[in-house]
Amino acid sequence: MLIPRTPHQPDRPTWDCLACGEPWPCAPGKVELAEQVSVNRRSLRLYLESCAIDMIDDRADGHHVSGRDDAIYDRVLGWLDTSPPAPVHRATRRAA
């Protein structure tokens, strides 16, 4: 499981960054999360998908979430989809 190693975490239910107050994920948060992509791209995507679902749930519960209603995907996952995956170096196994 991916455990984000950054102070730029979401503050629920507003989904603003705890460190800088910008809408989460903020620019520094994206950079710090993206540093983990080379090893944990799938885990990062699952983490961000779960955050998007939580954001939608918080909004449905009547909490103010910054940003437009139709921009949750772009805000939370869109930036990951535009960043190229890092090359994966796989060790080749020799047949015994």
Protein backbone atom coordinates (compact mmCIF):
# COMPACT_ATOMS: atom_id res chain seq x y z
CA MET A 1 0.00 0.00 0.00
CA LEU A 2 1.20 3.48 -0.81
CA ILE A 3 1.74 5.73 2.18
CA PRO A 4 2.25 9.29 0.96
CA ARG A 5 5.48 10.75 2.34
CA THR A 6 4.61 14.40 2.18
CA PRO A 7 3.20 17.08 4.51
CA HIS A 8 0.93 18.11 1.63
CA GLN A 9 -2.06 15.99 2.66
CA PRO A 10 -5.77 16.64 2.17
CA ASP A 11 -7.76 18.22 4.99
CA ARG A 12 -11.17 16.59 4.95
CA PRO A 13 -13.89 17.51 4.34
CA THR A 14 -12.69 20.65 2.51
CA TRP A 15 -9.95 18.83 0.57
CA ASP A 16 -7.57 21.74 0.87
CA CYS A 17 -3.89 21.02 1.56
CA LEU A 18 -2.93 20.89 5.23
CA ALA A 19 0.52 22.38 4.49
CA CYS A 20 -0.27 25.23 2.08
CA GLY A 21 -4.05 25.64 2.01
CA GLU A 22 -4.35 25.22 -1.77
CA PRO A 23 -6.87 22.79 -3.28
CA TRP A 24 -5.46 19.29 -2.85
CA PRO A 25 -3.52 17.83 -4.52
CA CYS A 26 -1.49 21.02 -4.62
CA ALA A 27 1.54 21.51 -6.87
CA PRO A 28 4.12 20.53 -4.20
CA GLY A 29 1.98 17.55 -3.23
CA LYS A 30 1.83 16.35 -6.83
CA VAL A 31 5.60 16.58 -7.14
CA GLU A 32 6.15 14.66 -3.93
CA LEU A 33 3.56 12.03 -4.84
CA ALA A 34 4.98 11.71 -8.36
CA GLU A 35 8.40 10.89 -6.91
CA GLN A 36 6.86 7.61 -5.78
CA VAL A 37 5.39 6.83 -9.22
CA SER A 38 8.45 5.02 -10.56
CA VAL A 39 7.97 2.21 -8.07
CA ASN A 40 4.34 2.47 -7.03
CA ARG A 41 2.35 3.88 -9.97
CA ARG A 42 -0.55 1.46 -9.50
CA SER A 43 -0.63 2.06 -5.76
CA LEU A 44 -0.58 5.81 -6.30
CA ARG A 45 -3.45 5.57 -8.77
CA LEU A 46 -5.50 3.45 -6.34
CA TYR A 47 -4.77 5.92 -3.54
CA LEU A 48 -5.85 8.87 -5.68
CA GLU A 49 -8.97 7.01 -6.87
CA SER A 50 -9.97 6.38 -3.26
CA CYS A 51 -9.39 10.07 -2.49
CA ALA A 52 -11.63 11.07 -5.42
CA ILE A 53 -14.38 8.78 -4.12
CA ASP A 54 -14.03 10.25 -0.63
CA MET A 55 -14.15 13.75 -2.10
CA ILE A 56 -17.37 12.94 -3.96
CA ASP A 57 -18.84 11.45 -0.77
CA ASP A 58 -17.89 14.52 1.28
CA ARG A 59 -19.48 16.79 -1.31
CA ALA A 60 -22.63 14.61 -1.38
CA ASP A 61 -22.81 14.93 2.42
CA GLY A 62 -23.10 18.70 2.00
CA HIS A 63 -19.52 19.71 2.79
CA HIS A 64 -17.92 22.50 0.80
CA VAL A 65 -15.16 21.10 -1.36
CA SER A 66 -13.18 23.74 -3.24
CA GLY A 67 -13.29 23.62 -7.01
CA ARG A 68 -15.99 22.77 -9.54
CA ASP A 69 -18.19 19.72 -9.24
CA ASP A 70 -17.23 18.43 -12.68
CA ALA A 71 -13.49 18.81 -12.09
CA ILE A 72 -12.86 16.14 -9.45
CA TYR A 73 -11.32 13.69 -11.92
CA ASP A 74 -9.08 16.36 -13.47
CA ARG A 75 -8.09 17.69 -10.06
CA VAL A 76 -7.26 14.39 -8.40
CA LEU A 77 -6.33 12.00 -11.21
CA GLY A 78 -5.91 14.04 -14.39
CA TRP A 79 -2.38 15.15 -13.59
CA LEU A 80 -1.27 11.54 -13.05
CA ASP A 81 -2.67 10.48 -16.41
CA THR A 82 -0.58 13.12 -18.18
CA SER A 83 2.70 12.24 -16.48
CA PRO A 84 4.66 9.56 -18.31
CA PRO A 85 5.37 6.42 -16.34
CA ALA A 86 8.95 5.97 -15.27
CA PRO A 87 10.84 3.13 -16.93
CA VAL A 88 10.71 -0.12 -15.03
CA HIS A 89 13.94 -2.04 -14.74
CA ARG A 90 13.17 -5.69 -14.42
CA ALA A 91 15.84 -8.19 -13.58
CA THR A 92 16.01 -10.92 -16.15
CA ARG A 93 15.95 -14.42 -14.81
CA ARG A 94 18.23 -17.01 -16.24
CA ALA A 95 16.83 -20.43 -16.92
CA ALA A 96 18.37 -23.04 -14.68
